[in-house]
C-alpha atoms as a PDB file:
ATOM      1  CA  UNK A   1     127.021 121.650 -33.217  1.00  0.00           C
ATOM      2  CA  UNK A   2     123.814 120.385 -31.810  1.00  0.00           C
ATOM      3  CA  UNK A   3     121.372 118.354 -33.817  1.00  0.00           C
ATOM      4  CA  UNK A   4     118.652 119.012 -31.570  1.00  0.00           C
ATOM      5  CA  UNK A   5     115.196 120.035 -33.176  1.00  0.00           C
ATOM      6  CA  UNK A   6     111.675 119.632 -32.069  1.00  0.00           C
ATOM      7  CA  UNK A   7     108.557 118.118 -34.077  1.00  0.00           C
ATOM      8  CA  UNK A   8     105.344 118.982 -32.463  1.00  0.00           C
ATOM      9  CA  UNK A   9     103.545 116.434 -35.069  1.00  0.00           C
ATOM     10  CA  UNK A  10     105.810 113.503 -33.894  1.00  0.00           C
ATOM     11  CA  UNK A  11     106.616 114.671 -30.514  1.00  0.00           C
ATOM     12  CA  UNK A  12     110.178 113.502 -31.280  1.00  0.00           C
ATOM     13  CA  UNK A  13     113.446 115.454 -30.542  1.00  0.00           C
ATOM     14  CA  UNK A  14     116.820 114.585 -31.920  1.00  0.00           C
ATOM     15  CA  UNK A  15     120.323 114.946 -30.269  1.00  0.00           C
ATOM     16  CA  UNK A  16     123.898 114.194 -31.004  1.00  0.00           C
ATOM     17  CA  UNK A  17     124.093 111.092 -28.836  1.00  0.00           C
ATOM     18  CA  UNK A  18     120.549 110.630 -27.792  1.00  0.00           C
ATOM     19  CA  UNK A  19     118.071 108.797 -30.167  1.00  0.00           C
ATOM     20  CA  UNK A  20     114.371 107.721 -29.373  1.00  0.00           C
ATOM     21  CA  UNK A  21     113.782 110.866 -27.133  1.00  0.00           C
ATOM     22  CA  UNK A  22     110.190 111.747 -27.212  1.00  0.00           C
ATOM     23  CA  UNK A  23     107.464 113.702 -25.519  1.00  0.00           C
ATOM     24  CA  UNK A  24     104.319 111.711 -24.726  1.00  0.00           C
ATOM     25  CA  UNK A  25     102.523 115.061 -24.519  1.00  0.00           C
ATOM     26  CA  UNK A  26      99.994 116.379 -27.043  1.00  0.00           C
ATOM     27  CA  UNK A  27      97.628 113.026 -27.173  1.00  0.00           C
ATOM     28  CA  UNK A  28      94.098 113.544 -26.957  1.00  0.00           C
ATOM     29  CA  UNK A  29      92.016 111.361 -24.584  1.00  0.00           C
ATOM     30  CA  UNK A  30      88.920 109.845 -24.875  1.00  0.00           C
ATOM     31  CA  UNK A  31      87.234 112.319 -22.522  1.00  0.00           C
ATOM     32  CA  UNK A  32      88.368 115.408 -24.253  1.00  0.00           C
ATOM     33  CA  UNK A  33      91.510 116.269 -22.438  1.00  0.00           C
ATOM     34  CA  UNK A  34      95.067 116.503 -24.038  1.00  0.00           C
ATOM     35  CA  UNK A  35      98.221 115.283 -22.304  1.00  0.00           C
ATOM     36  CA  UNK A  36     100.684 117.889 -21.410  1.00  0.00           C
ATOM     37  CA  UNK A  37     104.069 118.595 -23.195  1.00  0.00           C
ATOM     38  CA  UNK A  38     107.315 118.583 -21.298  1.00  0.00           C
ATOM     39  CA  UNK A  39     106.181 116.675 -18.355  1.00  0.00           C
ATOM     40  CA  UNK A  40     106.908 112.974 -19.168  1.00  0.00           C
ATOM     41  CA  UNK A  41     109.589 112.001 -21.929  1.00  0.00           C
ATOM     42  CA  UNK A  42     110.582 108.589 -23.126  1.00  0.00           C
ATOM     43  CA  UNK A  43     113.909 107.648 -24.576  1.00  0.00           C
ATOM     44  CA  UNK A  44     116.633 105.188 -25.160  1.00  0.00           C
ATOM     45  CA  UNK A  45     119.640 105.042 -22.933  1.00  0.00           C
ATOM     46  CA  UNK A  46     121.373 108.344 -22.198  1.00  0.00           C
ATOM     47  CA  UNK A  47     124.806 107.553 -21.559  1.00  0.00           C
ATOM     48  CA  UNK A  48     127.449 109.645 -23.445  1.00  0.00           C
ATOM     49  CA  UNK A  49     125.746 112.993 -23.530  1.00  0.00           C
ATOM     50  CA  UNK A  50     127.586 115.613 -25.255  1.00  0.00           C
ATOM     51  CA  UNK A  51     127.706 119.075 -23.572  1.00  0.00           C
ATOM     52  CA  UNK A  52     124.898 120.214 -26.204  1.00  0.00           C
ATOM     53  CA  UNK A  53     122.693 117.098 -25.448  1.00  0.00           C
ATOM     54  CA  UNK A  54     122.916 117.784 -21.863  1.00  0.00           C
ATOM     55  CA  UNK A  55     122.043 121.683 -22.120  1.00  0.00           C
ATOM     56  CA  UNK A  56     119.077 120.542 -24.389  1.00  0.00           C
ATOM     57  CA  UNK A  57     117.630 118.082 -22.109  1.00  0.00           C
ATOM     58  CA  UNK A  58     117.941 120.547 -19.284  1.00  0.00           C
ATOM     59  CA  UNK A  59     116.172 123.240 -21.500  1.00  0.00           C
ATOM     60  CA  UNK A  60     112.870 120.940 -21.849  1.00  0.00           C
ATOM     61  CA  UNK A  61     112.682 121.096 -18.149  1.00  0.00           C
ATOM     62  CA  UNK A  62     113.817 117.600 -17.178  1.00  0.00           C
ATOM     63  CA  UNK A  63     115.142 117.625 -13.832  1.00  0.00           C
ATOM     64  CA  UNK A  64     114.784 113.820 -13.126  1.00  0.00           C
ATOM     65  CA  UNK A  65     116.186 111.123 -15.308  1.00  0.00           C
ATOM     66  CA  UNK A  66     114.891 107.592 -14.417  1.00  0.00           C
ATOM     67  CA  UNK A  67     116.838 104.759 -15.598  1.00  0.00           C
ATOM     68  CA  UNK A  68     115.205 101.441 -16.090  1.00  0.00           C
ATOM     69  CA  UNK A  69     118.371  99.395 -17.229  1.00  0.00           C
ATOM     70  CA  UNK A  70     119.681  96.436 -14.845  1.00  0.00           C
ATOM     71  CA  UNK A  71     122.662  97.009 -12.901  1.00  0.00           C
ATOM     72  CA  UNK A  72     124.719  94.789 -15.473  1.00  0.00           C
ATOM     73  CA  UNK A  73     123.341  96.906 -18.350  1.00  0.00           C
ATOM     74  CA  UNK A  74     124.847 100.179 -16.532  1.00  0.00           C
ATOM     75  CA  UNK A  75     128.165  98.484 -16.100  1.00  0.00           C
ATOM     76  CA  UNK A  76     128.415  97.356 -19.857  1.00  0.00           C
ATOM     77  CA  UNK A  77     126.815 100.463 -21.401  1.00  0.00           C
ATOM     78  CA  UNK A  78     127.662 103.281 -18.997  1.00  0.00           C
ATOM     79  CA  UNK A  79     125.612 105.621 -16.695  1.00  0.00           C
ATOM     80  CA  UNK A  80     123.814 108.726 -17.356  1.00  0.00           C
ATOM     81  CA  UNK A  81     125.983 111.743 -16.570  1.00  0.00           C
ATOM     82  CA  UNK A  82     125.333 115.468 -16.309  1.00  0.00           C
ATOM     83  CA  UNK A  83     127.668 118.162 -15.649  1.00  0.00           C
ATOM     84  CA  UNK A  84     127.595 119.830 -12.206  1.00  0.00           C
ATOM     85  CA  UNK A  85     126.013 122.938 -13.523  1.00  0.00           C
ATOM     86  CA  UNK A  86     123.007 121.114 -14.374  1.00  0.00           C
ATOM     87  CA  UNK A  87     120.840 120.223 -11.306  1.00  0.00           C
ATOM     88  CA  UNK A  88     119.382 116.821 -12.664  1.00  0.00           C
ATOM     89  CA  UNK A  89     118.319 114.060 -10.244  1.00  0.00           C
ATOM     90  CA  UNK A  90     119.683 110.588 -11.517  1.00  0.00           C
ATOM     91  CA  UNK A  91     117.429 107.723 -10.310  1.00  0.00           C
ATOM     92  CA  UNK A  92     118.609 103.975 -11.250  1.00  0.00           C
ATOM     93  CA  UNK A  93     115.221 102.058 -11.117  1.00  0.00           C
ATOM     94  CA  UNK A  94     115.545  98.872 -12.645  1.00  0.00           C
ATOM     95  CA  UNK A  95     112.466  97.800 -14.111  1.00  0.00           C
ATOM     96  CA  UNK A  96     113.884  94.132 -14.106  1.00  0.00           C
ATOM     97  CA  UNK A  97     116.224  93.453 -11.143  1.00  0.00           C
ATOM     98  CA  UNK A  98     117.430  89.921 -12.035  1.00  0.00           C
ATOM     99  CA  UNK A  99     119.566  90.527 -15.260  1.00  0.00           C
ATOM    100  CA  UNK A 100     118.983  86.783 -16.283  1.00  0.00           C
ATOM    101  CA  UNK A 101     115.176  87.626 -16.785  1.00  0.00           C
ATOM    102  CA  UNK A 102     116.335  89.630 -19.902  1.00  0.00           C
ATOM    103  CA  UNK A 103     117.685  86.273 -21.294  1.00  0.00           C
ATOM    104  CA  UNK A 104     114.258  84.498 -20.529  1.00  0.00           C
ATOM    105  CA  UNK A 105     112.183  87.346 -22.088  1.00  0.00           C
ATOM    106  CA  UNK A 106     114.640  87.606 -25.157  1.00  0.00           C
ATOM    107  CA  UNK A 107     113.568  83.884 -25.986  1.00  0.00           C
ATOM    108  CA  UNK A 108     110.031  84.658 -26.039  1.00  0.00           C
ATOM    109  CA  UNK A 109     107.853  86.175 -28.741  1.00  0.00           C
ATOM    110  CA  UNK A 110     107.366  89.959 -28.018  1.00  0.00           C
ATOM    111  CA  UNK A 111     103.435  89.531 -27.124  1.00  0.00           C
ATOM    112  CA  UNK A 112     104.341  86.771 -24.437  1.00  0.00           C
ATOM    113  CA  UNK A 113     107.464  88.653 -23.194  1.00  0.00           C
ATOM    114  CA  UNK A 114     105.456  91.858 -22.493  1.00  0.00           C
ATOM    115  CA  UNK A 115     102.612  90.040 -20.830  1.00  0.00           C
ATOM    116  CA  UNK A 116     104.852  87.881 -18.808  1.00  0.00           C
ATOM    117  CA  UNK A 117     107.241  90.682 -17.940  1.00  0.00           C
ATOM    118  CA  UNK A 118     104.293  92.945 -16.533  1.00  0.00           C
ATOM    119  CA  UNK A 119     103.387  90.168 -14.129  1.00  0.00           C
ATOM    120  CA  UNK A 120     106.919  89.625 -12.759  1.00  0.00           C
ATOM    121  CA  UNK A 121     107.763  93.363 -12.103  1.00  0.00           C
ATOM    122  CA  UNK A 122     104.807  94.308 -10.014  1.00  0.00           C
ATOM    123  CA  UNK A 123     107.195  95.961  -7.315  1.00  0.00           C
ATOM    124  CA  UNK A 124     108.739  98.288  -9.955  1.00  0.00           C
ATOM    125  CA  UNK A 125     105.304  99.896 -10.540  1.00  0.00           C
ATOM    126  CA  UNK A 126     104.960 100.848  -7.096  1.00  0.00           C
ATOM    127  CA  UNK A 127     108.566 102.180  -6.708  1.00  0.00           C
ATOM    128  CA  UNK A 128     108.057 104.436 -10.014  1.00  0.00           C
ATOM    129  CA  UNK A 129     104.579 105.835  -9.001  1.00  0.00           C
ATOM    130  CA  UNK A 130     105.935 106.819  -5.667  1.00  0.00           C
ATOM    131  CA  UNK A 131     108.665 108.556  -7.086  1.00  0.00           C
ATOM    132  CA  UNK A 132     106.899 110.429  -9.934  1.00  0.00           C
ATOM    133  CA  UNK A 133     103.922 111.417  -7.734  1.00  0.00           C
ATOM    134  CA  UNK A 134     106.342 113.510  -5.613  1.00  0.00           C
ATOM    135  CA  UNK A 135     107.871 115.508  -8.669  1.00  0.00           C
ATOM    136  CA  UNK A 136     106.604 118.654 -10.087  1.00  0.00           C
ATOM    137  CA  UNK A 137     109.053 119.012 -13.076  1.00  0.00           C
ATOM    138  CA  UNK A 138     109.921 117.194 -16.292  1.00  0.00           C
ATOM    139  CA  UNK A 139     110.942 113.669 -15.975  1.00  0.00           C
ATOM    140  CA  UNK A 140     112.547 111.407 -18.750  1.00  0.00           C
ATOM    141  CA  UNK A 141     112.674 107.362 -18.365  1.00  0.00           C
ATOM    142  CA  UNK A 142     114.524 105.202 -20.426  1.00  0.00           C
ATOM    143  CA  UNK A 143     115.886 101.632 -20.817  1.00  0.00           C
ATOM    144  CA  UNK A 144     118.507 100.669 -23.090  1.00  0.00           C
ATOM    145  CA  UNK A 145     116.687 100.853 -26.819  1.00  0.00           C
ATOM    146  CA  UNK A 146     113.819 102.446 -25.697  1.00  0.00           C
ATOM    147  CA  UNK A 147     111.612  99.917 -26.980  1.00  0.00           C
ATOM    148  CA  UNK A 148     109.858  97.200 -24.706  1.00  0.00           C
ATOM    149  CA  UNK A 149     110.525  98.520 -21.131  1.00  0.00           C
ATOM    150  CA  UNK A 150     109.967 102.145 -21.898  1.00  0.00           C
ATOM    151  CA  UNK A 151     107.249 101.185 -24.305  1.00  0.00           C
ATOM    152  CA  UNK A 152     105.340  99.310 -21.625  1.00  0.00           C
ATOM    153  CA  UNK A 153     105.511 102.246 -19.043  1.00  0.00           C
ATOM    154  CA  UNK A 154     104.450 104.535 -21.563  1.00  0.00           C
ATOM    155  CA  UNK A 155     101.600 102.559 -22.519  1.00  0.00           C
ATOM    156  CA  UNK A 156     100.329 102.476 -18.888  1.00  0.00           C
ATOM    157  CA  UNK A 157     100.852 106.128 -18.379  1.00  0.00           C
ATOM    158  CA  UNK A 158      98.980 106.886 -21.455  1.00  0.00           C
ATOM    159  CA  UNK A 159      96.139 104.561 -20.712  1.00  0.00           C
ATOM    160  CA  UNK A 160      95.677 105.784 -17.147  1.00  0.00           C
ATOM    161  CA  UNK A 161      95.525 109.444 -18.809  1.00  0.00           C
ATOM    162  CA  UNK A 162      92.638 107.988 -21.223  1.00  0.00           C
ATOM    163  CA  UNK A 163      94.412 107.892 -24.530  1.00  0.00           C
ATOM    164  CA  UNK A 164      92.757 105.512 -26.849  1.00  0.00           C
ATOM    165  CA  UNK A 165      94.450 102.064 -27.633  1.00  0.00           C
ATOM    166  CA  UNK A 166      95.030 102.882 -31.318  1.00  0.00           C
ATOM    167  CA  UNK A 167      96.957 105.917 -30.174  1.00  0.00           C
ATOM    168  CA  UNK A 168      99.116 104.103 -27.758  1.00  0.00           C
ATOM    169  CA  UNK A 169      99.834 101.240 -30.372  1.00  0.00           C
ATOM    170  CA  UNK A 170     100.871 104.260 -32.786  1.00  0.00           C
ATOM    171  CA  UNK A 171     103.174 105.681 -30.146  1.00  0.00           C
ATOM    172  CA  UNK A 172     104.798 102.301 -29.625  1.00  0.00           C
ATOM    173  CA  UNK A 173     105.138 101.513 -33.379  1.00  0.00           C
ATOM    174  CA  UNK A 174     106.635 104.936 -34.159  1.00  0.00           C
ATOM    175  CA  UNK A 175     109.560 103.611 -32.474  1.00  0.00           C
ATOM    176  CA  UNK A 176     110.524 101.846 -35.742  1.00  0.00           C
ATOM    177  CA  UNK A 177     110.935 105.073 -37.558  1.00  0.00           C
ATOM    178  CA  UNK A 178     113.387 106.396 -35.413  1.00  0.00           C
ATOM    179  CA  UNK A 179     115.474 103.288 -34.756  1.00  0.00           C
ATOM    180  CA  UNK A 180     115.933 102.637 -38.464  1.00  0.00           C
ATOM    181  CA  UNK A 181     118.950 104.924 -38.918  1.00  0.00           C
ATOM    182  CA  UNK A 182     120.593 103.337 -35.959  1.00  0.00           C
ATOM    183  CA  UNK A 183     120.091  99.660 -36.756  1.00  0.00           C
ATOM    184  CA  UNK A 184     123.655  99.132 -38.252  1.00  0.00           C
ATOM    185  CA  UNK A 185     125.576 100.663 -35.161  1.00  0.00           C
ATOM    186  CA  UNK A 186     123.050  98.767 -32.775  1.00  0.00           C
ATOM    187  CA  UNK A 187     123.736  95.478 -34.312  1.00  0.00           C
ATOM    188  CA  UNK A 188     127.406  95.880 -33.794  1.00  0.00           C
ATOM    189  CA  UNK A 189     126.685  96.433 -30.101  1.00  0.00           C
ATOM    190  CA  UNK A 190     124.607  93.108 -29.970  1.00  0.00           C
ATOM    191  CA  UNK A 191     124.620  91.695 -26.258  1.00  0.00           C
ATOM    192  CA  UNK A 192     126.467  88.323 -25.991  1.00  0.00           C
ATOM    193  CA  UNK A 193     123.523  86.718 -24.172  1.00  0.00           C
ATOM    194  CA  UNK A 194     121.334  86.953 -27.399  1.00  0.00           C
ATOM    195  CA  UNK A 195     121.540  85.213 -30.771  1.00  0.00           C
ATOM    196  CA  UNK A 196     121.367  87.513 -33.857  1.00  0.00           C
ATOM    197  CA  UNK A 197     117.831  86.219 -34.496  1.00  0.00           C
ATOM    198  CA  UNK A 198     116.572  87.114 -30.869  1.00  0.00           C
ATOM    199  CA  UNK A 199     118.288  90.453 -31.127  1.00  0.00           C
ATOM    200  CA  UNK A 200     116.539  91.323 -34.652  1.00  0.00           C
ATOM    201  CA  UNK A 201     113.353  90.614 -32.611  1.00  0.00           C
ATOM    202  CA  UNK A 202     114.291  93.108 -29.839  1.00  0.00           C
ATOM    203  CA  UNK A 203     115.114  95.607 -32.370  1.00  0.00           C
ATOM    204  CA  UNK A 204     111.434  96.097 -33.490  1.00  0.00           C
ATOM    205  CA  UNK A 205     108.308  97.729 -31.734  1.00  0.00           C
ATOM    206  CA  UNK A 206     105.962  95.059 -32.774  1.00  0.00           C
ATOM    207  CA  UNK A 207     102.405  96.742 -32.798  1.00  0.00           C
ATOM    208  CA  UNK A 208     100.692  93.547 -32.189  1.00  0.00           C
ATOM    209  CA  UNK A 209     102.772  92.665 -29.136  1.00  0.00           C
ATOM    210  CA  UNK A 210     101.404  96.153 -27.521  1.00  0.00           C
ATOM    211  CA  UNK A 211      97.701  95.456 -28.824  1.00  0.00           C
ATOM    212  CA  UNK A 212      98.031  91.943 -27.155  1.00  0.00           C
ATOM    213  CA  UNK A 213      99.414  93.402 -23.934  1.00  0.00           C
ATOM    214  CA  UNK A 214      96.683  96.179 -23.600  1.00  0.00           C
ATOM    215  CA  UNK A 215      93.895  93.416 -24.576  1.00  0.00           C
ATOM    216  CA  UNK A 216      95.507  91.353 -21.537  1.00  0.00           C
ATOM    217  CA  UNK A 217      95.345  94.110 -18.966  1.00  0.00           C
ATOM    218  CA  UNK A 218      91.935  95.057 -19.764  1.00  0.00           C
ATOM    219  CA  UNK A 219      90.622  91.581 -19.932  1.00  0.00           C
ATOM    220  CA  UNK A 220      92.228  90.575 -16.626  1.00  0.00           C
ATOM    221  CA  UNK A 221      92.246  94.063 -14.696  1.00  0.00           C
ATOM    222  CA  UNK A 222      89.750  96.262 -16.491  1.00  0.00           C
ATOM    223  CA  UNK A 223      92.239  98.878 -17.603  1.00  0.00           C
ATOM    224  CA  UNK A 224      95.926  99.948 -16.746  1.00  0.00           C
ATOM    225  CA  UNK A 225      94.539 101.758 -13.542  1.00  0.00           C
ATOM    226  CA  UNK A 226      92.850  98.621 -12.126  1.00  0.00           C
ATOM    227  CA  UNK A 227      96.338  96.896 -12.872  1.00  0.00           C
ATOM    228  CA  UNK A 228      98.213  99.434 -10.992  1.00  0.00           C
ATOM    229  CA  UNK A 229      95.822  99.223  -7.907  1.00  0.00           C
ATOM    230  CA  UNK A 230      96.184  95.504  -7.974  1.00  0.00           C
ATOM    231  CA  UNK A 231      99.957  95.444  -7.561  1.00  0.00           C
ATOM    232  CA  UNK A 232      99.728  98.146  -4.934  1.00  0.00           C
ATOM    233  CA  UNK A 233      99.967 101.669  -6.278  1.00  0.00           C
ATOM    234  CA  UNK A 234      97.837 103.961  -4.083  1.00  0.00           C
ATOM    235  CA  UNK A 235      95.066 105.642  -5.822  1.00  0.00           C
ATOM    236  CA  UNK A 236      96.307 109.204  -4.724  1.00  0.00           C
ATOM    237  CA  UNK A 237      99.328 108.826  -6.512  1.00  0.00           C
ATOM    238  CA  UNK A 238      97.649 107.450  -9.609  1.00  0.00           C
ATOM    239  CA  UNK A 239      95.466 110.532  -9.462  1.00  0.00           C
ATOM    240  CA  UNK A 240      98.431 113.001  -8.824  1.00  0.00           C
ATOM    241  CA  UNK A 241     100.283 111.692 -12.103  1.00  0.00           C
ATOM    242  CA  UNK A 242      97.257 111.932 -14.021  1.00  0.00           C
ATOM    243  CA  UNK A 243      96.675 115.426 -12.957  1.00  0.00           C
ATOM    244  CA  UNK A 244     100.354 116.232 -14.133  1.00  0.00           C
ATOM    245  CA  UNK A 245      99.807 114.328 -17.184  1.00  0.00           C
ATOM    246  CA  UNK A 246      96.615 115.828 -18.591  1.00  0.00           C
ATOM    247  CA  UNK A 247      94.899 119.224 -18.976  1.00  0.00           C
ATOM    248  CA  UNK A 248      91.314 120.168 -20.508  1.00  0.00           C
END
């Protein structure tokens, strides 16, 4: 029996084998718009989906899944799979290509890791915006835990849409609510390359880390749009994504 149930207030959906599946719609922007529901979803990894999970994801309008994990994570954790009856495009688009970089970032403070990471993955943002600017249906993107990589990408999308920073930080912090019931299971699956102390740090969405990242982006590039243009994302693609993400 499916555990699927939506919460409009929290934009959160629960499934049998998915946690952290959240809609980034419903946020008010500083210029009076609202981000649209059922366009962009953020999640933890989507491997091991049950039949009910697949059906419910499909009924939300998702037709493209973008997997941000490294190749090694796919091998160790498993790939996302949908039954043939569901026409869902699966894109493996690693945010971090070199798995060893996860070792490096895992040893840093979360603020330093987010800021360091964003400056070392410029090609990813070009690839991501090129892909999603061509789509006109629901998209879900995910990493492994649905915290830092997924949170970083969510923050940039919400910022270009015009959502206030405190709302972005709040969205990031809500991760801790949804992860809490899963922590015992996640601790049993700690990657061998991380110490228990390092892994505990990765199991928390640190609001100050997101605040520091946003401050860095604004201080260095003016805003997320300026950052994306700097790394090579065409303005027309940014505009297309904004048009899909917000409504009056």
